[in-house]
Amino acid sequence: MMRSGRDDERDCPCLTPAVRGRAGVGPESVYCRLASGRVRVPTRAELASRCTAGRYQSCPGYRRWIASRQWAWRLS
């Protein structure tokens, strides 16, 4: 997902806009695509305190995602 604004730079890069009408997607309208390919819908509290507050580096899902990207980069 491309980032353009200042507020977007604080958002976790794993956040992906949700397609409306999908079952299990809450009112947050985003989901988190983890390194394993699994999809996770963060709670409202997680979105407010971590995902969009610039503290996503403390998220275990983000840490696994960034580690997998770094590992893949070393192989190339």
C-alpha atoms as a PDB file:
ATOM      1  CA  MET A   1       0.000   0.000   0.000  1.00  0.00           C
ATOM      2  CA  MET A   2       1.491   3.349  -0.936  1.00  0.00           C
ATOM      3  CA  ARG A   3       1.900   6.020   1.690  1.00  0.00           C
ATOM      4  CA  SER A   4       1.493   9.652   0.786  1.00  0.00           C
ATOM      5  CA  GLY A   5       0.559  11.818   3.764  1.00  0.00           C
ATOM      6  CA  ARG A   6       2.256  12.510   7.066  1.00  0.00           C
ATOM      7  CA  ASP A   7      -0.411  10.662   9.039  1.00  0.00           C
ATOM      8  CA  ASP A   8       0.004   7.646   6.777  1.00  0.00           C
ATOM      9  CA  GLU A   9       3.681   7.413   7.713  1.00  0.00           C
ATOM     10  CA  ARG A  10       2.608   6.657  11.273  1.00  0.00           C
ATOM     11  CA  ASP A  11       0.400   3.766  10.117  1.00  0.00           C
ATOM     12  CA  CYS A  12       1.697   0.221  10.100  1.00  0.00           C
ATOM     13  CA  PRO A  13       2.777  -0.854   6.597  1.00  0.00           C
ATOM     14  CA  CYS A  14       0.942  -4.169   7.104  1.00  0.00           C
ATOM     15  CA  LEU A  15      -2.458  -2.437   7.246  1.00  0.00           C
ATOM     16  CA  THR A  16      -4.523  -3.003   4.140  1.00  0.00           C
ATOM     17  CA  PRO A  17      -7.908  -1.435   3.316  1.00  0.00           C
ATOM     18  CA  ALA A  18     -10.725  -3.941   3.691  1.00  0.00           C
ATOM     19  CA  VAL A  19     -13.201  -4.739   0.954  1.00  0.00           C
ATOM     20  CA  ARG A  20     -16.639  -3.773   2.191  1.00  0.00           C
ATOM     21  CA  GLY A  21     -19.112  -6.538   2.734  1.00  0.00           C
ATOM     22  CA  ARG A  22     -16.609  -9.234   3.736  1.00  0.00           C
ATOM     23  CA  ALA A  23     -17.634 -11.327   6.703  1.00  0.00           C
ATOM     24  CA  GLY A  24     -15.605 -10.786   9.861  1.00  0.00           C
ATOM     25  CA  VAL A  25     -14.294  -7.359   8.896  1.00  0.00           C
ATOM     26  CA  GLY A  26     -15.233  -4.870  11.559  1.00  0.00           C
ATOM     27  CA  PRO A  27     -15.977  -1.185  11.283  1.00  0.00           C
ATOM     28  CA  GLU A  28     -12.224  -0.412  11.250  1.00  0.00           C
ATOM     29  CA  SER A  29     -12.235  -1.155   7.507  1.00  0.00           C
ATOM     30  CA  VAL A  30      -8.639  -2.374   7.541  1.00  0.00           C
ATOM     31  CA  TYR A  31      -6.937  -5.677   8.106  1.00  0.00           C
ATOM     32  CA  CYS A  32      -3.397  -6.758   8.765  1.00  0.00           C
ATOM     33  CA  ARG A  33      -1.639  -9.083   6.314  1.00  0.00           C
ATOM     34  CA  LEU A  34       0.902 -11.033   8.378  1.00  0.00           C
ATOM     35  CA  ALA A  35       4.197 -12.514   7.147  1.00  0.00           C
ATOM     36  CA  SER A  36       2.679 -15.985   6.988  1.00  0.00           C
ATOM     37  CA  GLY A  37      -0.006 -14.690   4.624  1.00  0.00           C
ATOM     38  CA  ARG A  38      -2.657 -14.909   7.318  1.00  0.00           C
ATOM     39  CA  VAL A  39      -5.098 -12.051   7.675  1.00  0.00           C
ATOM     40  CA  ARG A  40      -5.823 -10.505  11.044  1.00  0.00           C
ATOM     41  CA  VAL A  41      -8.361  -7.798  11.880  1.00  0.00           C
ATOM     42  CA  PRO A  42      -6.970  -5.562  14.642  1.00  0.00           C
ATOM     43  CA  THR A  43      -9.274  -4.446  17.422  1.00  0.00           C
ATOM     44  CA  ARG A  44     -10.259  -0.800  17.744  1.00  0.00           C
ATOM     45  CA  ALA A  45      -7.978  -0.487  20.745  1.00  0.00           C
ATOM     46  CA  GLU A  46      -5.016  -1.901  18.793  1.00  0.00           C
ATOM     47  CA  LEU A  47      -5.684   0.453  15.897  1.00  0.00           C
ATOM     48  CA  ALA A  48      -5.785   3.461  18.209  1.00  0.00           C
ATOM     49  CA  SER A  49      -2.862   2.545  20.437  1.00  0.00           C
ATOM     50  CA  ARG A  50      -0.498   0.769  18.072  1.00  0.00           C
ATOM     51  CA  CYS A  51      -1.376   0.426  14.379  1.00  0.00           C
ATOM     52  CA  THR A  52      -2.091   4.082  13.579  1.00  0.00           C
ATOM     53  CA  ALA A  53      -0.282   5.764  16.490  1.00  0.00           C
ATOM     54  CA  GLY A  54       3.242   5.228  15.192  1.00  0.00           C
ATOM     55  CA  ARG A  55       3.949   2.389  17.650  1.00  0.00           C
ATOM     56  CA  TYR A  56       3.467  -0.526  15.272  1.00  0.00           C
ATOM     57  CA  GLN A  57       7.100  -1.613  15.781  1.00  0.00           C
ATOM     58  CA  SER A  58       6.003  -3.178  19.088  1.00  0.00           C
ATOM     59  CA  CYS A  59       3.504  -5.452  17.300  1.00  0.00           C
ATOM     60  CA  PRO A  60       4.598  -9.108  17.124  1.00  0.00           C
ATOM     61  CA  GLY A  61       2.990  -9.443  13.685  1.00  0.00           C
ATOM     62  CA  TYR A  62       4.940  -6.468  12.325  1.00  0.00           C
ATOM     63  CA  ARG A  63       8.203  -7.789  13.790  1.00  0.00           C
ATOM     64  CA  ARG A  64       7.702 -11.147  12.046  1.00  0.00           C
ATOM     65  CA  TRP A  65       6.754  -9.364   8.809  1.00  0.00           C
ATOM     66  CA  ILE A  66       9.844  -7.132   8.792  1.00  0.00           C
ATOM     67  CA  ALA A  67      12.122 -10.057   9.732  1.00  0.00           C
ATOM     68  CA  SER A  68      10.791 -12.100   6.809  1.00  0.00           C
ATOM     69  CA  ARG A  69      11.388  -9.190   4.409  1.00  0.00           C
ATOM     70  CA  GLN A  70      14.937  -8.715   5.658  1.00  0.00           C
ATOM     71  CA  TRP A  71      15.616 -12.436   5.335  1.00  0.00           C
ATOM     72  CA  ALA A  72      14.262 -12.486   1.759  1.00  0.00           C
ATOM     73  CA  TRP A  73      16.344  -9.396   0.914  1.00  0.00           C
ATOM     74  CA  ARG A  74      19.532 -11.163   2.090  1.00  0.00           C
ATOM     75  CA  LEU A  75      18.793 -14.091  -0.215  1.00  0.00           C
ATOM     76  CA  SER A  76      18.482 -11.914  -3.298  1.00  0.00           C
END
